[in-house]
Amino acid sequence: MRWVPGSLVVFEGLDRAGKTTQIDRLLALPWNPAPAQAHMPSGVAHCTDDIYEVTEARKLDEPLAVQLLHLAAHLINMQQLLEARERYGLVLDRCGWSTLAYGGLGHGMEAVGVSESTFTDLVNGIWSRLKPDVVFLFDQPFDTDAANTSTVLASYRRLAQAAGALCVRVGSGSPDSLSERIVAELQSRAIVEI
């Protein structure tokens, strides 16, 4: 099984919806060469582990500060992510979509003094060099999570609609059936060769 270098596959969506399970299953297949993988915002750069610790474990009360820290982590990792994509192909657990859904679109940035359009332009500008070949959207969680609000879900669905054919809504099903669907989609898009 061959993963095509230069490709970027993103797994996005709600917390507790199966992204990690499907990424682990996908990466466990016998790829030659295997793609690189990163979780955002922790990424691949060592200093962004500290940012992830601050934003996830300590739970800051200031939503704009959290999102700006996420964006800083994205910037710090960008060159290494670009290089990994070109050399191996890349699987990302989250990208700028989660920053938009859980941050700007999900919380209403106007409440903290930043317009939605300004924040969206900032996120899209940072991610403009790393455009995905496909985004798998997980919008049906298997368990409850306080972060999964109706506003966040609506934001993800809005992003998916704007992305058109770039986005594949994963839906529900057994882990095996979802894995088969994901691999078939990757094959149909010539991202993998079986």
N, C-alpha and C. Protein backbone atom coordinates (compact mmCIF):
# COMPACT_ATOMS: atom_id res chain seq x y z
N MET A 1 0.86 -1.18 0.00
CA MET A 1 0.00 0.00 0.00
C MET A 1 0.90 1.23 0.00
N ARG A 2 0.56 2.18 -0.85
CA ARG A 2 1.42 3.36 -1.00
C ARG A 2 0.62 4.62 -0.73
N TRP A 3 1.19 5.48 0.10
CA TRP A 3 0.64 6.81 0.36
C TRP A 3 1.38 7.78 -0.54
N VAL A 4 0.66 8.61 -1.28
CA VAL A 4 1.28 9.49 -2.25
C VAL A 4 1.89 10.71 -1.54
N PRO A 5 3.22 10.89 -1.64
CA PRO A 5 3.84 12.09 -1.07
C PRO A 5 3.25 13.35 -1.71
N GLY A 6 3.20 14.42 -0.93
CA GLY A 6 2.62 15.68 -1.40
C GLY A 6 1.15 15.83 -1.07
N SER A 7 0.55 14.79 -0.51
CA SER A 7 -0.88 14.85 -0.19
C SER A 7 -1.11 15.25 1.26
N LEU A 8 -2.26 15.84 1.50
CA LEU A 8 -2.65 16.24 2.86
C LEU A 8 -4.09 15.81 3.12
N VAL A 9 -4.25 15.01 4.16
CA VAL A 9 -5.55 14.52 4.60
C VAL A 9 -5.80 15.06 6.00
N VAL A 10 -6.96 15.69 6.21
CA VAL A 10 -7.29 16.28 7.50
C VAL A 10 -8.50 15.57 8.10
N PHE A 11 -8.41 15.26 9.38
CA PHE A 11 -9.54 14.74 10.15
C PHE A 11 -9.99 15.86 11.06
N GLU A 12 -11.21 16.29 10.88
CA GLU A 12 -11.77 17.42 11.64
C GLU A 12 -13.09 17.03 12.26
N GLY A 13 -13.52 17.84 13.23
CA GLY A 13 -14.85 17.64 13.77
C GLY A 13 -14.92 17.70 15.28
N LEU A 14 -16.07 17.30 15.75
CA LEU A 14 -16.38 17.40 17.16
C LEU A 14 -15.51 16.47 18.00
N ASP A 15 -15.32 16.86 19.24
CA ASP A 15 -14.63 16.01 20.20
C ASP A 15 -15.45 14.75 20.45
N ARG A 16 -14.77 13.64 20.68
CA ARG A 16 -15.41 12.35 21.00
C ARG A 16 -16.27 11.85 19.85
N ALA A 17 -15.80 12.09 18.62
CA ALA A 17 -16.56 11.65 17.44
C ALA A 17 -15.83 10.57 16.65
N GLY A 18 -14.64 10.13 17.10
CA GLY A 18 -13.96 9.02 16.45
C GLY A 18 -12.78 9.39 15.58
N LYS A 19 -12.35 10.63 15.59
CA LYS A 19 -11.22 11.04 14.74
C LYS A 19 -9.95 10.26 15.09
N THR A 20 -9.59 10.22 16.36
CA THR A 20 -8.36 9.55 16.78
C THR A 20 -8.41 8.06 16.45
N THR A 21 -9.53 7.43 16.69
CA THR A 21 -9.68 6.01 16.37
C THR A 21 -9.43 5.77 14.89
N GLN A 22 -10.01 6.59 14.04
CA GLN A 22 -9.85 6.39 12.60
C GLN A 22 -8.44 6.74 12.12
N ILE A 23 -7.84 7.76 12.69
CA ILE A 23 -6.45 8.08 12.33
C ILE A 23 -5.54 6.91 12.72
N ASP A 24 -5.71 6.40 13.93
CA ASP A 24 -4.88 5.27 14.39
C ASP A 24 -5.05 4.06 13.49
N ARG A 25 -6.29 3.77 13.10
CA ARG A 25 -6.56 2.63 12.22
C ARG A 25 -5.92 2.84 10.85
N LEU A 26 -6.03 4.06 10.34
CA LEU A 26 -5.48 4.37 9.03
C LEU A 26 -3.95 4.24 9.04
N LEU A 27 -3.32 4.78 10.06
CA LEU A 27 -1.86 4.76 10.13
C LEU A 27 -1.31 3.37 10.43
N ALA A 28 -2.14 2.48 10.97
CA ALA A 28 -1.70 1.12 11.27
C ALA A 28 -1.63 0.23 10.03
N LEU A 29 -2.18 0.70 8.92
CA LEU A 29 -2.12 -0.09 7.69
C LEU A 29 -0.68 -0.12 7.17
N PRO A 30 -0.33 -1.14 6.38
CA PRO A 30 1.07 -1.31 5.95
C PRO A 30 1.47 -0.38 4.79
N TRP A 31 1.65 0.90 5.09
CA TRP A 31 2.02 1.88 4.08
C TRP A 31 3.50 1.81 3.77
N ASN A 32 3.84 2.00 2.50
CA ASN A 32 5.24 2.08 2.10
C ASN A 32 5.34 3.07 0.95
N PRO A 33 5.67 4.32 1.20
CA PRO A 33 6.07 4.89 2.50
C PRO A 33 4.85 5.27 3.33
N ALA A 34 5.06 5.37 4.62
CA ALA A 34 4.00 5.78 5.54
C ALA A 34 3.91 7.30 5.56
N PRO A 35 2.70 7.85 5.72
CA PRO A 35 2.58 9.31 5.82
C PRO A 35 3.05 9.80 7.18
N ALA A 36 3.41 11.07 7.23
CA ALA A 36 3.67 11.73 8.50
C ALA A 36 2.32 12.04 9.15
N GLN A 37 2.32 12.26 10.46
CA GLN A 37 1.08 12.56 11.17
C GLN A 37 1.35 13.61 12.21
N ALA A 38 0.38 14.51 12.42
CA ALA A 38 0.48 15.51 13.47
C ALA A 38 -0.91 15.85 14.00
N HIS A 39 -0.95 16.18 15.27
CA HIS A 39 -2.16 16.68 15.92
C HIS A 39 -1.97 18.17 16.15
N MET A 40 -2.96 18.95 15.76
CA MET A 40 -2.86 20.39 15.98
C MET A 40 -3.72 20.79 17.17
N PRO A 41 -3.27 21.68 18.04
CA PRO A 41 -2.13 22.55 17.84
C PRO A 41 -0.80 22.02 18.37
N SER A 42 -0.77 20.82 18.96
CA SER A 42 0.51 20.38 19.50
C SER A 42 1.55 20.18 18.41
N GLY A 43 1.14 19.73 17.23
CA GLY A 43 2.02 19.70 16.08
C GLY A 43 3.24 18.83 16.23
N VAL A 44 4.34 19.26 15.61
CA VAL A 44 5.59 18.49 15.59
C VAL A 44 6.75 19.25 16.22
N ALA A 45 6.58 20.52 16.49
CA ALA A 45 7.65 21.32 17.11
C ALA A 45 7.57 21.19 18.63
N HIS A 46 8.72 21.03 19.27
CA HIS A 46 8.74 20.79 20.72
C HIS A 46 8.10 21.90 21.53
N CYS A 47 8.32 23.14 21.18
CA CYS A 47 7.80 24.24 22.00
C CYS A 47 6.27 24.32 21.96
N THR A 48 5.65 23.72 20.94
CA THR A 48 4.19 23.80 20.91
C THR A 48 3.51 22.82 21.86
N ASP A 49 4.27 21.87 22.40
CA ASP A 49 3.72 21.04 23.47
C ASP A 49 3.33 21.92 24.66
N ASP A 50 4.14 22.93 24.94
CA ASP A 50 3.85 23.85 26.04
C ASP A 50 2.58 24.66 25.76
N ILE A 51 2.42 25.09 24.52
CA ILE A 51 1.20 25.84 24.15
C ILE A 51 -0.01 24.95 24.32
N TYR A 52 0.09 23.71 23.87
CA TYR A 52 -1.03 22.78 23.99
C TYR A 52 -1.38 22.54 25.46
N GLU A 53 -0.36 22.43 26.30
CA GLU A 53 -0.59 22.26 27.74
C GLU A 53 -1.37 23.43 28.32
N VAL A 54 -1.00 24.63 27.92
CA VAL A 54 -1.68 25.82 28.42
C VAL A 54 -3.13 25.88 27.94
N THR A 55 -3.33 25.63 26.66
CA THR A 55 -4.68 25.80 26.11
C THR A 55 -5.63 24.67 26.46
N GLU A 56 -5.12 23.46 26.62
CA GLU A 56 -6.00 22.32 26.87
C GLU A 56 -6.09 21.93 28.34
N ALA A 57 -4.96 21.86 29.02
CA ALA A 57 -4.97 21.39 30.40
C ALA A 57 -5.34 22.47 31.40
N ARG A 58 -4.92 23.69 31.13
CA ARG A 58 -5.17 24.76 32.09
C ARG A 58 -6.45 25.53 31.81
N LYS A 59 -7.00 25.38 30.62
CA LYS A 59 -8.28 25.99 30.25
C LYS A 59 -8.37 27.46 30.63
N LEU A 60 -7.76 28.30 29.82
CA LEU A 60 -7.82 29.75 30.04
C LEU A 60 -9.25 30.25 29.89
N ASP A 61 -9.58 31.30 30.61
CA ASP A 61 -10.92 31.86 30.55
C ASP A 61 -11.13 32.81 29.38
N GLU A 62 -10.07 33.24 28.75
CA GLU A 62 -10.15 34.22 27.67
C GLU A 62 -10.15 33.50 26.31
N PRO A 63 -11.31 33.40 25.64
CA PRO A 63 -11.38 32.64 24.39
C PRO A 63 -10.46 33.17 23.29
N LEU A 64 -10.33 34.47 23.16
CA LEU A 64 -9.45 35.01 22.12
C LEU A 64 -8.00 34.63 22.38
N ALA A 65 -7.56 34.68 23.64
CA ALA A 65 -6.19 34.30 23.97
C ALA A 65 -5.93 32.85 23.62
N VAL A 66 -6.87 31.97 23.89
CA VAL A 66 -6.72 30.55 23.56
C VAL A 66 -6.56 30.38 22.06
N GLN A 67 -7.41 31.04 21.29
CA GLN A 67 -7.35 30.89 19.84
C GLN A 67 -6.07 31.49 19.27
N LEU A 68 -5.61 32.58 19.81
CA LEU A 68 -4.35 33.17 19.34
C LEU A 68 -3.15 32.26 19.67
N LEU A 69 -3.21 31.61 20.83
CA LEU A 69 -2.16 30.63 21.15
C LEU A 69 -2.20 29.46 20.19
N HIS A 70 -3.41 28.98 19.86
CA HIS A 70 -3.53 27.91 18.86
C HIS A 70 -2.91 28.34 17.54
N LEU A 71 -3.22 29.56 17.13
CA LEU A 71 -2.68 30.06 15.85
C LEU A 71 -1.16 30.21 15.90
N ALA A 72 -0.63 30.60 17.05
CA ALA A 72 0.82 30.67 17.19
C ALA A 72 1.44 29.28 17.02
N ALA A 73 0.82 28.29 17.61
CA ALA A 73 1.30 26.91 17.46
C ALA A 73 1.24 26.48 15.99
N HIS A 74 0.17 26.85 15.31
CA HIS A 74 0.05 26.51 13.89
C HIS A 74 1.20 27.13 13.10
N LEU A 75 1.47 28.40 13.35
CA LEU A 75 2.56 29.09 12.65
C LEU A 75 3.92 28.45 12.92
N ILE A 76 4.16 28.13 14.17
CA ILE A 76 5.45 27.55 14.56
C ILE A 76 5.67 26.22 13.84
N ASN A 77 4.60 25.47 13.61
CA ASN A 77 4.70 24.15 12.98
C ASN A 77 4.64 24.18 11.47
N MET A 78 4.24 25.27 10.88
CA MET A 78 3.89 25.29 9.46
C MET A 78 5.01 24.79 8.55
N GLN A 79 6.23 25.25 8.74
CA GLN A 79 7.30 24.83 7.84
C GLN A 79 7.55 23.33 7.92
N GLN A 80 7.56 22.78 9.12
CA GLN A 80 7.77 21.34 9.28
C GLN A 80 6.62 20.54 8.69
N LEU A 81 5.40 21.05 8.81
CA LEU A 81 4.24 20.37 8.23
C LEU A 81 4.32 20.38 6.70
N LEU A 82 4.72 21.51 6.14
CA LEU A 82 4.89 21.61 4.68
C LEU A 82 5.94 20.61 4.19
N GLU A 83 7.05 20.53 4.91
CA GLU A 83 8.10 19.60 4.52
C GLU A 83 7.65 18.14 4.65
N ALA A 84 6.94 17.81 5.71
CA ALA A 84 6.43 16.45 5.90
C ALA A 84 5.44 16.10 4.79
N ARG A 85 4.59 17.04 4.44
CA ARG A 85 3.63 16.79 3.36
C ARG A 85 4.36 16.44 2.07
N GLU A 86 5.33 17.24 1.71
CA GLU A 86 6.03 17.01 0.44
C GLU A 86 6.84 15.71 0.45
N ARG A 87 7.42 15.39 1.57
CA ARG A 87 8.30 14.21 1.63
C ARG A 87 7.54 12.89 1.77
N TYR A 88 6.51 12.89 2.63
CA TYR A 88 5.83 11.64 2.96
C TYR A 88 4.34 11.63 2.65
N GLY A 89 3.72 12.79 2.55
CA GLY A 89 2.28 12.90 2.68
C GLY A 89 1.99 13.14 4.15
N LEU A 90 0.85 13.73 4.45
CA LEU A 90 0.59 14.16 5.83
C LEU A 90 -0.86 13.91 6.21
N VAL A 91 -1.04 13.38 7.42
CA VAL A 91 -2.36 13.22 8.03
C VAL A 91 -2.40 14.15 9.23
N LEU A 92 -3.37 15.08 9.21
CA LEU A 92 -3.51 16.02 10.32
C LEU A 92 -4.77 15.73 11.12
N ASP A 93 -4.61 15.71 12.42
CA ASP A 93 -5.73 15.68 13.35
C ASP A 93 -6.00 17.13 13.70
N ARG A 94 -6.92 17.73 12.97
CA ARG A 94 -7.35 19.13 13.09
C ARG A 94 -6.47 20.06 12.27
N CYS A 95 -7.08 21.14 11.87
CA CYS A 95 -6.38 22.21 11.14
C CYS A 95 -7.03 23.53 11.56
N GLY A 96 -7.06 24.49 10.69
CA GLY A 96 -7.67 25.78 11.01
C GLY A 96 -9.17 25.70 11.22
N TRP A 97 -9.81 24.66 10.70
CA TRP A 97 -11.25 24.52 10.89
C TRP A 97 -11.62 24.47 12.36
N SER A 98 -10.86 23.73 13.16
CA SER A 98 -11.22 23.62 14.58
C SER A 98 -11.04 24.95 15.29
N THR A 99 -10.04 25.73 14.87
CA THR A 99 -9.85 27.06 15.44
C THR A 99 -11.06 27.93 15.14
N LEU A 100 -11.55 27.81 13.92
CA LEU A 100 -12.75 28.59 13.55
C LEU A 100 -13.99 28.08 14.26
N ALA A 101 -14.20 26.77 14.27
CA ALA A 101 -15.43 26.21 14.83
C ALA A 101 -15.51 26.38 16.35
N TYR A 102 -14.41 26.07 17.05
CA TYR A 102 -14.42 26.18 18.50
C TYR A 102 -14.09 27.59 18.98
N GLY A 103 -13.52 28.38 18.11
CA GLY A 103 -13.11 29.72 18.48
C GLY A 103 -13.99 30.79 17.89
N GLY A 104 -13.59 31.30 16.75
CA GLY A 104 -14.25 32.45 16.14
C GLY A 104 -15.72 32.27 15.84
N LEU A 105 -16.04 31.21 15.12
CA LEU A 105 -17.44 31.00 14.74
C LEU A 105 -18.25 30.44 15.90
N GLY A 106 -17.61 29.62 16.72
CA GLY A 106 -18.31 28.96 17.80
C GLY A 106 -18.58 29.81 19.02
N HIS A 107 -17.77 30.85 19.25
CA HIS A 107 -17.94 31.69 20.43
C HIS A 107 -18.38 33.10 20.11
N GLY A 108 -18.32 33.50 18.86
CA GLY A 108 -18.65 34.87 18.50
C GLY A 108 -17.55 35.81 18.92
N MET A 109 -16.60 36.07 18.04
CA MET A 109 -15.43 36.86 18.39
C MET A 109 -15.77 38.31 18.68
N GLU A 110 -16.90 38.79 18.22
CA GLU A 110 -17.28 40.17 18.51
C GLU A 110 -17.36 40.42 20.02
N ALA A 111 -17.70 39.38 20.77
CA ALA A 111 -17.82 39.51 22.22
C ALA A 111 -16.49 39.87 22.88
N VAL A 112 -15.39 39.54 22.22
CA VAL A 112 -14.08 39.86 22.79
C VAL A 112 -13.36 40.91 21.97
N GLY A 113 -14.06 41.56 21.08
CA GLY A 113 -13.51 42.70 20.37
C GLY A 113 -12.86 42.42 19.02
N VAL A 114 -13.10 41.23 18.45
CA VAL A 114 -12.57 40.90 17.14
C VAL A 114 -13.72 40.44 16.26
N SER A 115 -13.82 41.00 15.08
CA SER A 115 -14.91 40.60 14.20
C SER A 115 -14.67 39.20 13.66
N GLU A 116 -15.74 38.53 13.32
CA GLU A 116 -15.65 37.20 12.74
C GLU A 116 -14.83 37.22 11.45
N SER A 117 -15.04 38.23 10.63
CA SER A 117 -14.31 38.29 9.36
C SER A 117 -12.80 38.49 9.58
N THR A 118 -12.44 39.30 10.55
CA THR A 118 -11.01 39.50 10.85
C THR A 118 -10.38 38.20 11.32
N PHE A 119 -11.05 37.52 12.23
CA PHE A 119 -10.51 36.26 12.76
C PHE A 119 -10.45 35.20 11.67
N THR A 120 -11.49 35.09 10.85
CA THR A 120 -11.51 34.12 9.76
C THR A 120 -10.39 34.40 8.77
N ASP A 121 -10.18 35.66 8.43
CA ASP A 121 -9.09 36.02 7.52
C ASP A 121 -7.74 35.64 8.10
N LEU A 122 -7.55 35.83 9.40
CA LEU A 122 -6.30 35.49 10.06
C LEU A 122 -6.05 33.98 9.99
N VAL A 123 -7.05 33.20 10.36
CA VAL A 123 -6.92 31.73 10.33
C VAL A 123 -6.65 31.26 8.91
N ASN A 124 -7.45 31.72 7.96
CA ASN A 124 -7.28 31.28 6.57
C ASN A 124 -5.93 31.71 6.00
N GLY A 125 -5.45 32.88 6.42
CA GLY A 125 -4.13 33.33 5.96
C GLY A 125 -3.02 32.43 6.45
N ILE A 126 -3.10 32.00 7.70
CA ILE A 126 -2.08 31.10 8.26
C ILE A 126 -2.09 29.76 7.55
N TRP A 127 -3.27 29.26 7.22
CA TRP A 127 -3.39 27.93 6.61
C TRP A 127 -3.35 27.96 5.08
N SER A 128 -3.19 29.13 4.47
CA SER A 128 -3.27 29.23 3.01
C SER A 128 -2.17 28.43 2.30
N ARG A 129 -1.05 28.18 2.95
CA ARG A 129 0.03 27.43 2.31
C ARG A 129 -0.14 25.92 2.44
N LEU A 130 -1.07 25.48 3.26
CA LEU A 130 -1.22 24.05 3.53
C LEU A 130 -2.68 23.65 3.28
N LYS A 131 -3.05 23.63 2.03
CA LYS A 131 -4.42 23.30 1.66
C LYS A 131 -4.60 21.78 1.57
N PRO A 132 -5.65 21.25 2.18
CA PRO A 132 -5.86 19.80 2.18
C PRO A 132 -6.39 19.28 0.83
N ASP A 133 -6.13 18.01 0.61
CA ASP A 133 -6.71 17.30 -0.54
C ASP A 133 -8.10 16.77 -0.19
N VAL A 134 -8.33 16.51 1.08
CA VAL A 134 -9.64 16.08 1.57
C VAL A 134 -9.70 16.37 3.07
N VAL A 135 -10.90 16.74 3.53
CA VAL A 135 -11.16 16.91 4.96
C VAL A 135 -12.27 15.93 5.32
N PHE A 136 -11.97 15.02 6.23
CA PHE A 136 -12.99 14.11 6.75
C PHE A 136 -13.61 14.76 7.98
N LEU A 137 -14.91 15.05 7.90
CA LEU A 137 -15.61 15.73 8.99
C LEU A 137 -16.37 14.73 9.85
N PHE A 138 -16.04 14.72 11.13
CA PHE A 138 -16.72 13.87 12.13
C PHE A 138 -17.66 14.78 12.92
N ASP A 139 -18.93 14.73 12.59
CA ASP A 139 -19.89 15.63 13.24
C ASP A 139 -20.97 14.89 14.02
N GLN A 140 -20.72 13.60 14.30
CA GLN A 140 -21.67 12.81 15.09
C GLN A 140 -20.92 12.13 16.23
N PRO A 141 -20.81 12.80 17.39
CA PRO A 141 -20.06 12.22 18.50
C PRO A 141 -20.73 10.96 19.05
N PHE A 142 -19.89 10.04 19.53
CA PHE A 142 -20.40 8.81 20.16
C PHE A 142 -20.58 8.99 21.65
N ASP A 143 -20.11 10.12 22.21
CA ASP A 143 -20.21 10.38 23.63
C ASP A 143 -20.35 11.89 23.83
N THR A 144 -20.87 12.30 24.96
CA THR A 144 -21.05 13.73 25.21
C THR A 144 -19.73 14.39 25.58
N ASP A 145 -19.63 15.66 25.22
CA ASP A 145 -18.48 16.49 25.56
C ASP A 145 -18.99 17.91 25.67
N ALA A 146 -18.68 18.59 26.76
CA ALA A 146 -19.21 19.94 27.01
C ALA A 146 -18.81 20.93 25.92
N ALA A 147 -17.70 20.68 25.24
CA ALA A 147 -17.24 21.60 24.19
C ALA A 147 -18.07 21.49 22.91
N ASN A 148 -18.81 20.40 22.76
CA ASN A 148 -19.59 20.17 21.54
C ASN A 148 -20.94 20.87 21.62
N THR A 149 -20.94 22.15 21.45
CA THR A 149 -22.19 22.91 21.49
C THR A 149 -22.87 22.91 20.13
N SER A 150 -24.12 23.30 20.12
CA SER A 150 -24.84 23.39 18.84
C SER A 150 -24.22 24.45 17.93
N THR A 151 -23.65 25.49 18.52
CA THR A 151 -22.99 26.54 17.74
C THR A 151 -21.73 26.00 17.07
N VAL A 152 -20.97 25.18 17.78
CA VAL A 152 -19.76 24.57 17.21
C VAL A 152 -20.16 23.63 16.06
N LEU A 153 -21.18 22.81 16.29
CA LEU A 153 -21.65 21.91 15.24
C LEU A 153 -22.11 22.70 14.01
N ALA A 154 -22.87 23.75 14.23
CA ALA A 154 -23.34 24.58 13.11
C ALA A 154 -22.16 25.20 12.38
N SER A 155 -21.13 25.59 13.11
CA SER A 155 -19.93 26.17 12.49
C SER A 155 -19.23 25.15 11.61
N TYR A 156 -19.07 23.92 12.11
CA TYR A 156 -18.46 22.87 11.30
C TYR A 156 -19.28 22.61 10.03
N ARG A 157 -20.57 22.55 10.18
CA ARG A 157 -21.41 22.28 9.00
C ARG A 157 -21.35 23.42 8.00
N ARG A 158 -21.22 24.63 8.49
CA ARG A 158 -21.05 25.79 7.61
C ARG A 158 -19.72 25.71 6.86
N LEU A 159 -18.66 25.34 7.54
CA LEU A 159 -17.35 25.17 6.90
C LEU A 159 -17.40 24.05 5.86
N ALA A 160 -18.08 22.95 6.20
CA ALA A 160 -18.20 21.83 5.27
C ALA A 160 -18.95 22.24 4.01
N GLN A 161 -20.02 22.97 4.18
CA GLN A 161 -20.80 23.41 3.02
C GLN A 161 -19.95 24.32 2.13
N ALA A 162 -19.21 25.23 2.73
CA ALA A 162 -18.37 26.13 1.95
C ALA A 162 -17.24 25.38 1.23
N ALA A 163 -16.77 24.27 1.81
CA ALA A 163 -15.69 23.49 1.21
C ALA A 163 -16.15 22.63 0.04
N GLY A 164 -17.43 22.36 -0.05
CA GLY A 164 -17.96 21.57 -1.16
C GLY A 164 -17.38 20.16 -1.18
N ALA A 165 -16.92 19.72 -2.35
CA ALA A 165 -16.44 18.36 -2.55
C ALA A 165 -15.14 18.07 -1.81
N LEU A 166 -14.46 19.08 -1.32
CA LEU A 166 -13.25 18.88 -0.54
C LEU A 166 -13.56 18.16 0.77
N CYS A 167 -14.77 18.33 1.29
CA CYS A 167 -15.15 17.77 2.59
C CYS A 167 -16.00 16.52 2.43
N VAL A 168 -15.68 15.50 3.23
CA VAL A 168 -16.45 14.27 3.28
C VAL A 168 -16.97 14.12 4.70
N ARG A 169 -18.30 14.16 4.86
CA ARG A 169 -18.88 13.90 6.18
C ARG A 169 -18.84 12.40 6.43
N VAL A 170 -18.21 12.01 7.52
CA VAL A 170 -17.98 10.60 7.80
C VAL A 170 -19.27 9.89 8.21
N GLY A 171 -20.10 10.52 9.00
CA GLY A 171 -21.33 9.89 9.44
C GLY A 171 -21.10 8.90 10.55
N SER A 172 -22.07 8.03 10.74
CA SER A 172 -21.97 7.05 11.83
C SER A 172 -21.80 5.65 11.23
N GLY A 173 -21.40 4.74 12.08
CA GLY A 173 -21.19 3.36 11.67
C GLY A 173 -20.17 2.70 12.56
N SER A 174 -19.92 1.44 12.29
CA SER A 174 -18.91 0.73 13.07
C SER A 174 -17.53 1.25 12.70
N PRO A 175 -16.56 1.11 13.60
CA PRO A 175 -15.19 1.53 13.26
C PRO A 175 -14.69 0.88 11.97
N ASP A 176 -15.01 -0.40 11.76
CA ASP A 176 -14.57 -1.09 10.54
C ASP A 176 -15.19 -0.46 9.29
N SER A 177 -16.49 -0.20 9.34
CA SER A 177 -17.15 0.36 8.15
C SER A 177 -16.67 1.77 7.85
N LEU A 178 -16.41 2.56 8.89
CA LEU A 178 -15.89 3.91 8.67
C LEU A 178 -14.48 3.87 8.10
N SER A 179 -13.65 2.96 8.61
CA SER A 179 -12.29 2.81 8.08
C SER A 179 -12.32 2.44 6.60
N GLU A 180 -13.19 1.51 6.25
CA GLU A 180 -13.31 1.09 4.84
C GLU A 180 -13.74 2.26 3.97
N ARG A 181 -14.67 3.04 4.48
CA ARG A 181 -15.14 4.20 3.71
C ARG A 181 -14.02 5.22 3.52
N ILE A 182 -13.26 5.47 4.56
CA ILE A 182 -12.17 6.46 4.48
C ILE A 182 -11.11 6.01 3.48
N VAL A 183 -10.69 4.75 3.56
CA VAL A 183 -9.67 4.24 2.64
C VAL A 183 -10.19 4.28 1.20
N ALA A 184 -11.45 3.91 1.00
CA ALA A 184 -12.03 3.95 -0.36
C ALA A 184 -12.03 5.38 -0.90
N GLU A 185 -12.34 6.34 -0.03
CA GLU A 185 -12.34 7.74 -0.46
C GLU A 185 -10.94 8.21 -0.81
N LEU A 186 -9.97 7.83 0.00
CA LEU A 186 -8.58 8.18 -0.29
C LEU A 186 -8.12 7.57 -1.61
N GLN A 187 -8.53 6.35 -1.85
CA GLN A 187 -8.17 5.68 -3.09
C GLN A 187 -8.83 6.37 -4.29
N SER A 188 -10.09 6.75 -4.15
CA SER A 188 -10.80 7.40 -5.26
C SER A 188 -10.21 8.77 -5.60
N ARG A 189 -9.58 9.39 -4.62
CA ARG A 189 -8.95 10.70 -4.83
C ARG A 189 -7.47 10.58 -5.21
N ALA A 190 -6.99 9.36 -5.41
CA ALA A 190 -5.60 9.09 -5.79
C ALA A 190 -4.60 9.59 -4.75
N ILE A 191 -5.02 9.55 -3.48
CA ILE A 191 -4.12 9.91 -2.37
C ILE A 191 -3.36 8.67 -1.91
N VAL A 192 -4.01 7.52 -2.04
CA VAL A 192 -3.37 6.25 -1.72
C VAL A 192 -3.52 5.31 -2.91
N GLU A 193 -2.57 4.38 -2.99
CA GLU A 193 -2.62 3.33 -4.00
C GLU A 193 -2.60 1.99 -3.27
N ILE A 194 -3.58 1.19 -3.54
CA ILE A 194 -3.71 -0.11 -2.87
C ILE A 194 -3.23 -1.22 -3.81
